[in-house]
Amino acid sequence: MVSRVAAAIDKAHAAGRGAFIGYLPIGYPDLETSIQAAVTLARNGVDIIEIGPPYSDPVMDGEVIQQATQHALANGFRMRDLFTAVQRISAETDVPVVVMTYWNPVMQYGVDRYADDLLAAGGAGLITPDITPEASGEWIAASKRTGLDRIFLAAPTSSDERLDIVLSSSTGFVYTVSTMGITGERAELDRAARTLVERMRARGDVRACVGIGISNADQIAGVVEYADGAIVGTALVKALRDGGLDALAETTRALAGGTPTTRY
């Protein structure tokens, strides 16, 4: 059975474009606004919503996202707010919602409990940047039981053996890291992303969505020439920070303009 996430990517492809995945932290600048911000993404061209619960040690995140998540934590974000947000967002849009989370909060909450509560709220899956498939036995079992997608990361430094494990363990799509480093805008994306996607395709059927460093429509257009979708975070967080929901809507529409293209 094709998951909701995979189906959203396939629907974009059927329309002749790559998928656009938009990230925002939950709880920034406050819980209610963050919920409306996620809905704003869905209403302005995003195919998959990626939300991130704030975390005290966000090792993968750049300065803009770190500042936003620290603000959310200072405002009193609690784990229960995540499931409230997913439920509210899912009630207002059919766009699938995936959670980008570091692993420690899932483990502390309880893997099965987390999976059950995410499913009950209407969530579609998890992106887990700091845990490998080999260490994810409990989560893999919970995701199979609930039907939630498990989205692991592949990096330019991944060996062929590592890619085989990631591809066989992931569902929905593989989060394809464009460059080594933290999230944030970059003037040019590394060619390493294209090479990585080529390596992955040579090893089997895969939906590869590229993230980290993608900040404008031209970069999105370049990415979806060879990948299944593009993931944008920092540019959206900056728009919300600097101009609120109206600026977020405008920025999302502008970025969505980069997805129609002749694909690989």
C-alpha atoms as a PDB file:
ATOM      1  CA  MET A   1       0.000   0.000   0.000  1.00  0.00           C
ATOM      2  CA  VAL A   2       1.312   3.458  -0.921  1.00  0.00           C
ATOM      3  CA  SER A   3       1.514   5.719   2.115  1.00  0.00           C
ATOM      4  CA  ARG A   4      -0.024   9.198   2.291  1.00  0.00           C
ATOM      5  CA  VAL A   5       3.436  10.737   2.002  1.00  0.00           C
ATOM      6  CA  ALA A   6       4.395   8.649  -1.022  1.00  0.00           C
ATOM      7  CA  ALA A   7       0.989   9.343  -2.559  1.00  0.00           C
ATOM      8  CA  ALA A   8       1.529  13.102  -2.178  1.00  0.00           C
ATOM      9  CA  ILE A   9       4.856  12.837  -4.002  1.00  0.00           C
ATOM     10  CA  ASP A  10       3.296  10.703  -6.717  1.00  0.00           C
ATOM     11  CA  LYS A  11       0.444  13.208  -7.097  1.00  0.00           C
ATOM     12  CA  ALA A  12       2.946  16.015  -7.653  1.00  0.00           C
ATOM     13  CA  HIS A  13       4.736  13.899 -10.247  1.00  0.00           C
ATOM     14  CA  ALA A  14       1.447  13.201 -12.014  1.00  0.00           C
ATOM     15  CA  ALA A  15       0.991  16.965 -12.277  1.00  0.00           C
ATOM     16  CA  GLY A  16       4.408  17.209 -13.948  1.00  0.00           C
ATOM     17  CA  ARG A  17       6.378  18.647 -11.061  1.00  0.00           C
ATOM     18  CA  GLY A  18       8.512  17.745  -8.109  1.00  0.00           C
ATOM     19  CA  ALA A  19       7.116  17.687  -4.581  1.00  0.00           C
ATOM     20  CA  PHE A  20       7.537  20.697  -2.297  1.00  0.00           C
ATOM     21  CA  ILE A  21       8.049  19.871   1.386  1.00  0.00           C
ATOM     22  CA  GLY A  22       7.924  22.773   3.831  1.00  0.00           C
ATOM     23  CA  TYR A  23       9.306  22.751   7.379  1.00  0.00           C
ATOM     24  CA  LEU A  24       8.297  24.873  10.370  1.00  0.00           C
ATOM     25  CA  PRO A  25       8.925  24.467  14.106  1.00  0.00           C
ATOM     26  CA  ILE A  26       5.852  23.928  16.248  1.00  0.00           C
ATOM     27  CA  GLY A  27       5.318  26.497  18.984  1.00  0.00           C
ATOM     28  CA  TYR A  28       6.941  29.387  17.121  1.00  0.00           C
ATOM     29  CA  PRO A  29       6.226  32.187  17.682  1.00  0.00           C
ATOM     30  CA  ASP A  30       3.426  30.604  19.751  1.00  0.00           C
ATOM     31  CA  LEU A  31       1.432  27.398  19.449  1.00  0.00           C
ATOM     32  CA  GLU A  32      -1.649  28.860  17.774  1.00  0.00           C
ATOM     33  CA  THR A  33       0.338  30.844  15.208  1.00  0.00           C
ATOM     34  CA  SER A  34       2.515  27.819  14.420  1.00  0.00           C
ATOM     35  CA  ILE A  35      -0.614  25.758  13.699  1.00  0.00           C
ATOM     36  CA  GLN A  36      -1.968  28.435  11.383  1.00  0.00           C
ATOM     37  CA  ALA A  37       1.469  28.740   9.773  1.00  0.00           C
ATOM     38  CA  ALA A  38       1.467  25.038   8.893  1.00  0.00           C
ATOM     39  CA  VAL A  39      -2.020  25.369   7.406  1.00  0.00           C
ATOM     40  CA  THR A  40      -0.762  28.387   5.460  1.00  0.00           C
ATOM     41  CA  LEU A  41       1.906  26.195   3.877  1.00  0.00           C
ATOM     42  CA  ALA A  42      -0.731  23.708   2.748  1.00  0.00           C
ATOM     43  CA  ARG A  43      -2.930  26.409   1.264  1.00  0.00           C
ATOM     44  CA  ASN A  44      -0.111  27.965  -0.739  1.00  0.00           C
ATOM     45  CA  GLY A  45       1.532  25.080  -2.548  1.00  0.00           C
ATOM     46  CA  VAL A  46       3.261  22.716  -0.109  1.00  0.00           C
ATOM     47  CA  ASP A  47       2.680  19.019  -0.816  1.00  0.00           C
ATOM     48  CA  ILE A  48       3.936  17.696   2.529  1.00  0.00           C
ATOM     49  CA  ILE A  49       4.109  19.591   5.825  1.00  0.00           C
ATOM     50  CA  GLU A  50       7.143  18.889   7.975  1.00  0.00           C
ATOM     51  CA  ILE A  51       6.907  20.142  11.547  1.00  0.00           C
ATOM     52  CA  GLY A  52       9.575  20.063  14.206  1.00  0.00           C
ATOM     53  CA  PRO A  53       9.034  19.973  17.959  1.00  0.00           C
ATOM     54  CA  PRO A  54      11.568  22.230  19.725  1.00  0.00           C
ATOM     55  CA  TYR A  55      14.595  20.499  21.164  1.00  0.00           C
ATOM     56  CA  SER A  56      17.181  21.749  23.641  1.00  0.00           C
ATOM     57  CA  ASP A  57      20.195  20.532  21.638  1.00  0.00           C
ATOM     58  CA  PRO A  58      19.314  20.910  17.925  1.00  0.00           C
ATOM     59  CA  VAL A  59      22.614  19.745  16.445  1.00  0.00           C
ATOM     60  CA  MET A  60      21.335  19.639  12.850  1.00  0.00           C
ATOM     61  CA  ASP A  61      19.669  23.049  12.823  1.00  0.00           C
ATOM     62  CA  GLY A  62      21.116  26.348  11.704  1.00  0.00           C
ATOM     63  CA  GLU A  63      20.904  29.649  13.572  1.00  0.00           C
ATOM     64  CA  VAL A  64      17.470  30.746  12.311  1.00  0.00           C
ATOM     65  CA  ILE A  65      15.752  27.503  13.270  1.00  0.00           C
ATOM     66  CA  GLN A  66      17.683  27.238  16.537  1.00  0.00           C
ATOM     67  CA  GLN A  67      16.501  30.701  17.563  1.00  0.00           C
ATOM     68  CA  ALA A  68      12.911  29.821  16.696  1.00  0.00           C
ATOM     69  CA  THR A  69      12.940  26.563  18.629  1.00  0.00           C
ATOM     70  CA  GLN A  70      14.588  28.160  21.662  1.00  0.00           C
ATOM     71  CA  HIS A  71      11.869  30.810  21.590  1.00  0.00           C
ATOM     72  CA  ALA A  72       9.235  28.070  21.548  1.00  0.00           C
ATOM     73  CA  LEU A  73      10.841  26.288  24.480  1.00  0.00           C
ATOM     74  CA  ALA A  74      11.044  29.546  26.449  1.00  0.00           C
ATOM     75  CA  ASN A  75       7.317  29.998  25.808  1.00  0.00           C
ATOM     76  CA  GLY A  76       6.624  26.686  27.553  1.00  0.00           C
ATOM     77  CA  PHE A  77       6.267  24.184  24.693  1.00  0.00           C
ATOM     78  CA  ARG A  78       5.404  20.678  25.920  1.00  0.00           C
ATOM     79  CA  MET A  79       5.316  17.402  24.034  1.00  0.00           C
ATOM     80  CA  ARG A  80       1.529  17.237  24.268  1.00  0.00           C
ATOM     81  CA  ASP A  81       1.464  20.439  22.192  1.00  0.00           C
ATOM     82  CA  LEU A  82       2.932  18.525  19.259  1.00  0.00           C
ATOM     83  CA  PHE A  83       0.008  16.120  19.068  1.00  0.00           C
ATOM     84  CA  THR A  84      -2.474  18.952  19.559  1.00  0.00           C
ATOM     85  CA  ALA A  85      -0.850  20.753  16.646  1.00  0.00           C
ATOM     86  CA  VAL A  86      -0.866  17.706  14.368  1.00  0.00           C
ATOM     87  CA  GLN A  87      -4.531  17.098  15.137  1.00  0.00           C
ATOM     88  CA  ARG A  88      -5.481  20.719  14.455  1.00  0.00           C
ATOM     89  CA  ILE A  89      -3.464  20.905  11.224  1.00  0.00           C
ATOM     90  CA  SER A  90      -4.798  17.576   9.966  1.00  0.00           C
ATOM     91  CA  ALA A  91      -8.345  18.728  10.621  1.00  0.00           C
ATOM     92  CA  GLU A  92      -7.861  21.725   8.329  1.00  0.00           C
ATOM     93  CA  THR A  93      -5.973  20.168   5.424  1.00  0.00           C
ATOM     94  CA  ASP A  94      -5.478  16.840   3.651  1.00  0.00           C
ATOM     95  CA  VAL A  95      -1.770  17.571   3.146  1.00  0.00           C
ATOM     96  CA  PRO A  96       0.147  14.890   5.086  1.00  0.00           C
ATOM     97  CA  VAL A  97       2.013  15.996   8.199  1.00  0.00           C
ATOM     98  CA  VAL A  98       5.352  14.414   9.106  1.00  0.00           C
ATOM     99  CA  VAL A  99       7.305  15.176  12.257  1.00  0.00           C
ATOM    100  CA  MET A 100      11.030  15.937  12.108  1.00  0.00           C
ATOM    101  CA  THR A 101      12.303  14.963  15.531  1.00  0.00           C
ATOM    102  CA  TYR A 102      15.490  14.098  17.333  1.00  0.00           C
ATOM    103  CA  TRP A 103      15.280  10.664  18.859  1.00  0.00           C
ATOM    104  CA  ASN A 104      15.633  11.362  22.582  1.00  0.00           C
ATOM    105  CA  PRO A 105      12.148  12.914  22.984  1.00  0.00           C
ATOM    106  CA  VAL A 106      10.582   9.887  21.267  1.00  0.00           C
ATOM    107  CA  MET A 107      12.472   7.508  23.517  1.00  0.00           C
ATOM    108  CA  GLN A 108      11.567   9.471  26.654  1.00  0.00           C
ATOM    109  CA  TYR A 109       7.901   9.615  25.651  1.00  0.00           C
ATOM    110  CA  GLY A 110       7.836   5.921  24.768  1.00  0.00           C
ATOM    111  CA  VAL A 111       8.172   4.733  21.170  1.00  0.00           C
ATOM    112  CA  ASP A 112       4.872   2.856  20.965  1.00  0.00           C
ATOM    113  CA  ARG A 113       3.008   5.584  22.839  1.00  0.00           C
ATOM    114  CA  TYR A 114       4.495   8.219  20.539  1.00  0.00           C
ATOM    115  CA  ALA A 115       3.521   6.268  17.428  1.00  0.00           C
ATOM    116  CA  ASP A 116      -0.005   5.658  18.694  1.00  0.00           C
ATOM    117  CA  ASP A 117      -0.551   9.294  19.663  1.00  0.00           C
ATOM    118  CA  LEU A 118       0.865  10.571  16.376  1.00  0.00           C
ATOM    119  CA  LEU A 119      -1.382   8.243  14.405  1.00  0.00           C
ATOM    120  CA  ALA A 120      -4.432   9.212  16.481  1.00  0.00           C
ATOM    121  CA  ALA A 121      -3.681  12.892  15.817  1.00  0.00           C
ATOM    122  CA  GLY A 122      -3.607  12.308  12.068  1.00  0.00           C
ATOM    123  CA  GLY A 123       0.166  12.362  11.538  1.00  0.00           C
ATOM    124  CA  ALA A 124       1.775  10.535   8.632  1.00  0.00           C
ATOM    125  CA  GLY A 125       5.263   9.656   9.852  1.00  0.00           C
ATOM    126  CA  LEU A 126       8.597  10.628  11.384  1.00  0.00           C
ATOM    127  CA  ILE A 127      11.859  11.983  10.028  1.00  0.00           C
ATOM    128  CA  THR A 128      14.585  10.921  12.464  1.00  0.00           C
ATOM    129  CA  PRO A 129      17.898  12.657  11.695  1.00  0.00           C
ATOM    130  CA  ASP A 130      19.989  11.356  14.575  1.00  0.00           C
ATOM    131  CA  ILE A 131      19.239   7.634  14.684  1.00  0.00           C
ATOM    132  CA  THR A 132      20.278   4.955  12.216  1.00  0.00           C
ATOM    133  CA  PRO A 133      18.044   2.138  10.986  1.00  0.00           C
ATOM    134  CA  GLU A 134      20.164  -0.412  12.854  1.00  0.00           C
ATOM    135  CA  ALA A 135      19.323   1.300  16.150  1.00  0.00           C
ATOM    136  CA  SER A 136      15.644   1.760  15.276  1.00  0.00           C
ATOM    137  CA  GLY A 137      14.213  -1.705  15.787  1.00  0.00           C
ATOM    138  CA  GLU A 138      11.509  -0.549  18.198  1.00  0.00           C
ATOM    139  CA  TRP A 139      10.494   2.335  15.930  1.00  0.00           C
ATOM    140  CA  ILE A 140      10.497   0.179  12.805  1.00  0.00           C
ATOM    141  CA  ALA A 141       8.183  -2.282  14.549  1.00  0.00           C
ATOM    142  CA  ALA A 142       5.884   0.523  15.748  1.00  0.00           C
ATOM    143  CA  SER A 143       5.776   2.116  12.302  1.00  0.00           C
ATOM    144  CA  LYS A 144       4.883  -1.191  10.660  1.00  0.00           C
ATOM    145  CA  ARG A 145       2.105  -1.690  13.206  1.00  0.00           C
ATOM    146  CA  THR A 146       0.657   1.811  12.785  1.00  0.00           C
ATOM    147  CA  GLY A 147       1.405   2.442   9.103  1.00  0.00           C
ATOM    148  CA  LEU A 148       3.401   5.583   9.882  1.00  0.00           C
ATOM    149  CA  ASP A 149       6.239   6.398   7.517  1.00  0.00           C
ATOM    150  CA  ARG A 150       9.801   6.101   8.773  1.00  0.00           C
ATOM    151  CA  ILE A 151      12.065   8.535   6.934  1.00  0.00           C
ATOM    152  CA  PHE A 152      15.793   8.073   7.419  1.00  0.00           C
ATOM    153  CA  LEU A 153      18.626  10.242   6.100  1.00  0.00           C
ATOM    154  CA  ALA A 154      21.175   9.539   3.394  1.00  0.00           C
ATOM    155  CA  ALA A 155      24.267  11.736   3.137  1.00  0.00           C
ATOM    156  CA  PRO A 156      26.919  12.294   0.467  1.00  0.00           C
ATOM    157  CA  THR A 157      29.359  10.431   2.724  1.00  0.00           C
ATOM    158  CA  SER A 158      27.126   7.345   2.996  1.00  0.00           C
ATOM    159  CA  SER A 159      28.746   4.156   1.765  1.00  0.00           C
ATOM    160  CA  ASP A 160      26.934   1.877  -0.670  1.00  0.00           C
ATOM    161  CA  GLU A 161      26.288  -0.518   2.190  1.00  0.00           C
ATOM    162  CA  ARG A 162      24.796   2.310   4.245  1.00  0.00           C
ATOM    163  CA  LEU A 163      22.586   3.376   1.339  1.00  0.00           C
ATOM    164  CA  ASP A 164      21.272  -0.162   0.992  1.00  0.00           C
ATOM    165  CA  ILE A 165      20.256  -0.159   4.665  1.00  0.00           C
ATOM    166  CA  VAL A 166      18.643   3.298   4.487  1.00  0.00           C
ATOM    167  CA  LEU A 167      16.737   2.516   1.297  1.00  0.00           C
ATOM    168  CA  SER A 168      15.421  -0.802   2.583  1.00  0.00           C
ATOM    169  CA  SER A 169      14.412   0.708   5.943  1.00  0.00           C
ATOM    170  CA  SER A 170      12.762   3.949   4.768  1.00  0.00           C
ATOM    171  CA  THR A 171       9.180   4.437   3.658  1.00  0.00           C
ATOM    172  CA  GLY A 172       7.525   7.532   2.189  1.00  0.00           C
ATOM    173  CA  PHE A 173      10.794   9.014   0.973  1.00  0.00           C
ATOM    174  CA  VAL A 174      14.471   9.174   1.841  1.00  0.00           C
ATOM    175  CA  TYR A 175      15.633  12.502   3.261  1.00  0.00           C
ATOM    176  CA  THR A 176      18.587  13.179   0.984  1.00  0.00           C
ATOM    177  CA  VAL A 177      21.126  15.522   2.573  1.00  0.00           C
ATOM    178  CA  SER A 178      22.339  18.042  -0.004  1.00  0.00           C
ATOM    179  CA  THR A 179      25.582  18.888   1.738  1.00  0.00           C
ATOM    180  CA  MET A 180      27.421  18.092   4.929  1.00  0.00           C
ATOM    181  CA  GLY A 181      26.563  20.612   7.628  1.00  0.00           C
ATOM    182  CA  ILE A 182      23.592  22.204   9.354  1.00  0.00           C
ATOM    183  CA  THR A 183      20.370  23.556   7.906  1.00  0.00           C
ATOM    184  CA  GLY A 184      20.324  27.040   6.456  1.00  0.00           C
ATOM    185  CA  GLU A 185      20.502  28.971   3.219  1.00  0.00           C
ATOM    186  CA  ARG A 186      23.434  28.532   0.857  1.00  0.00           C
ATOM    187  CA  ALA A 187      24.284  30.387  -2.308  1.00  0.00           C
ATOM    188  CA  GLU A 188      24.986  27.161  -4.202  1.00  0.00           C
ATOM    189  CA  LEU A 189      23.958  23.605  -3.534  1.00  0.00           C
ATOM    190  CA  ASP A 190      26.652  20.984  -3.623  1.00  0.00           C
ATOM    191  CA  ARG A 191      26.805  18.761  -6.686  1.00  0.00           C
ATOM    192  CA  ALA A 192      27.146  16.003  -4.131  1.00  0.00           C
ATOM    193  CA  ALA A 193      23.346  15.938  -3.814  1.00  0.00           C
ATOM    194  CA  ARG A 194      22.872  15.054  -7.474  1.00  0.00           C
ATOM    195  CA  THR A 195      25.542  12.380  -7.272  1.00  0.00           C
ATOM    196  CA  LEU A 196      23.956  10.940  -4.133  1.00  0.00           C
ATOM    197  CA  VAL A 197      20.535  10.698  -5.759  1.00  0.00           C
ATOM    198  CA  GLU A 198      22.100   9.005  -8.780  1.00  0.00           C
ATOM    199  CA  ARG A 199      23.783   6.475  -6.488  1.00  0.00           C
ATOM    200  CA  MET A 200      20.496   5.813  -4.711  1.00  0.00           C
ATOM    201  CA  ARG A 201      18.564   5.321  -7.948  1.00  0.00           C
ATOM    202  CA  ALA A 202      21.197   2.884  -9.169  1.00  0.00           C
ATOM    203  CA  ARG A 203      20.504   0.784  -6.071  1.00  0.00           C
ATOM    204  CA  GLY A 204      16.733   0.551  -6.461  1.00  0.00           C
ATOM    205  CA  ASP A 205      13.390   2.300  -6.649  1.00  0.00           C
ATOM    206  CA  VAL A 206      13.375   5.270  -4.289  1.00  0.00           C
ATOM    207  CA  ARG A 207      11.598   8.551  -3.647  1.00  0.00           C
ATOM    208  CA  ALA A 208      14.453  10.928  -2.885  1.00  0.00           C
ATOM    209  CA  CYS A 209      13.705  14.386  -1.497  1.00  0.00           C
ATOM    210  CA  VAL A 210      16.621  16.771  -1.026  1.00  0.00           C
ATOM    211  CA  GLY A 211      16.994  19.050   1.963  1.00  0.00           C
ATOM    212  CA  ILE A 212      19.450  21.401   3.685  1.00  0.00           C
ATOM    213  CA  GLY A 213      20.482  24.660   2.052  1.00  0.00           C
ATOM    214  CA  ILE A 214      17.518  25.098  -0.313  1.00  0.00           C
ATOM    215  CA  SER A 215      16.171  28.631  -0.045  1.00  0.00           C
ATOM    216  CA  ASN A 216      14.734  29.897  -3.344  1.00  0.00           C
ATOM    217  CA  ALA A 217      12.666  28.831  -6.338  1.00  0.00           C
ATOM    218  CA  ASP A 218      15.674  28.512  -8.642  1.00  0.00           C
ATOM    219  CA  GLN A 219      17.352  26.079  -6.257  1.00  0.00           C
ATOM    220  CA  ILE A 220      14.138  24.080  -5.951  1.00  0.00           C
ATOM    221  CA  ALA A 221      13.863  23.928  -9.739  1.00  0.00           C
ATOM    222  CA  GLY A 222      17.443  22.679  -9.939  1.00  0.00           C
ATOM    223  CA  VAL A 223      16.861  20.006  -7.323  1.00  0.00           C
ATOM    224  CA  VAL A 224      13.671  18.589  -8.828  1.00  0.00           C
ATOM    225  CA  GLU A 225      15.409  18.120 -12.159  1.00  0.00           C
ATOM    226  CA  TYR A 226      16.974  15.013 -10.622  1.00  0.00           C
ATOM    227  CA  ALA A 227      15.152  14.372  -7.311  1.00  0.00           C
ATOM    228  CA  ASP A 228      11.553  13.661  -6.383  1.00  0.00           C
ATOM    229  CA  GLY A 229      11.149  16.699  -4.184  1.00  0.00           C
ATOM    230  CA  ALA A 230      12.777  19.604  -2.376  1.00  0.00           C
ATOM    231  CA  ILE A 231      12.651  20.402   1.346  1.00  0.00           C
ATOM    232  CA  VAL A 232      12.738  24.026   2.519  1.00  0.00           C
ATOM    233  CA  GLY A 233      12.906  25.196   6.131  1.00  0.00           C
ATOM    234  CA  THR A 234      15.012  28.238   6.947  1.00  0.00           C
ATOM    235  CA  ALA A 235      13.531  30.496   4.259  1.00  0.00           C
ATOM    236  CA  LEU A 236      10.021  29.741   5.550  1.00  0.00           C
ATOM    237  CA  VAL A 237      10.959  30.314   9.185  1.00  0.00           C
ATOM    238  CA  LYS A 238      12.555  33.646   8.255  1.00  0.00           C
ATOM    239  CA  ALA A 239       9.417  34.709   6.387  1.00  0.00           C
ATOM    240  CA  LEU A 240       7.239  33.868   9.392  1.00  0.00           C
ATOM    241  CA  ARG A 241       9.640  35.635  11.743  1.00  0.00           C
ATOM    242  CA  ASP A 242       9.958  38.790   9.672  1.00  0.00           C
ATOM    243  CA  GLY A 243       6.466  39.191   8.254  1.00  0.00           C
ATOM    244  CA  GLY A 244       4.038  36.836   9.926  1.00  0.00           C
ATOM    245  CA  LEU A 245       1.492  34.668   8.149  1.00  0.00           C
ATOM    246  CA  ASP A 246       1.052  36.992   5.164  1.00  0.00           C
ATOM    247  CA  ALA A 247       4.774  36.943   4.386  1.00  0.00           C
ATOM    248  CA  LEU A 248       4.851  33.188   4.898  1.00  0.00           C
ATOM    249  CA  ALA A 249       2.039  32.731   2.386  1.00  0.00           C
ATOM    250  CA  GLU A 250       3.793  34.928  -0.167  1.00  0.00           C
ATOM    251  CA  THR A 251       7.124  33.167   0.281  1.00  0.00           C
ATOM    252  CA  THR A 252       5.498  29.733   0.041  1.00  0.00           C
ATOM    253  CA  ARG A 253       3.789  30.630  -3.228  1.00  0.00           C
ATOM    254  CA  ALA A 254       7.052  31.960  -4.630  1.00  0.00           C
ATOM    255  CA  LEU A 255       8.922  28.801  -3.666  1.00  0.00           C
ATOM    256  CA  ALA A 256       6.166  26.582  -5.033  1.00  0.00           C
ATOM    257  CA  GLY A 257       6.807  28.229  -8.377  1.00  0.00           C
ATOM    258  CA  GLY A 258      10.099  26.385  -8.541  1.00  0.00           C
ATOM    259  CA  THR A 259       8.609  22.894  -8.573  1.00  0.00           C
ATOM    260  CA  PRO A 260       7.174  22.681 -12.138  1.00  0.00           C
ATOM    261  CA  THR A 261       9.980  21.393 -14.298  1.00  0.00           C
ATOM    262  CA  THR A 262      11.071  18.651 -16.653  1.00  0.00           C
ATOM    263  CA  ARG A 263      12.111  15.985 -14.215  1.00  0.00           C
ATOM    264  CA  TYR A 264      14.972  13.471 -14.456  1.00  0.00           C
END
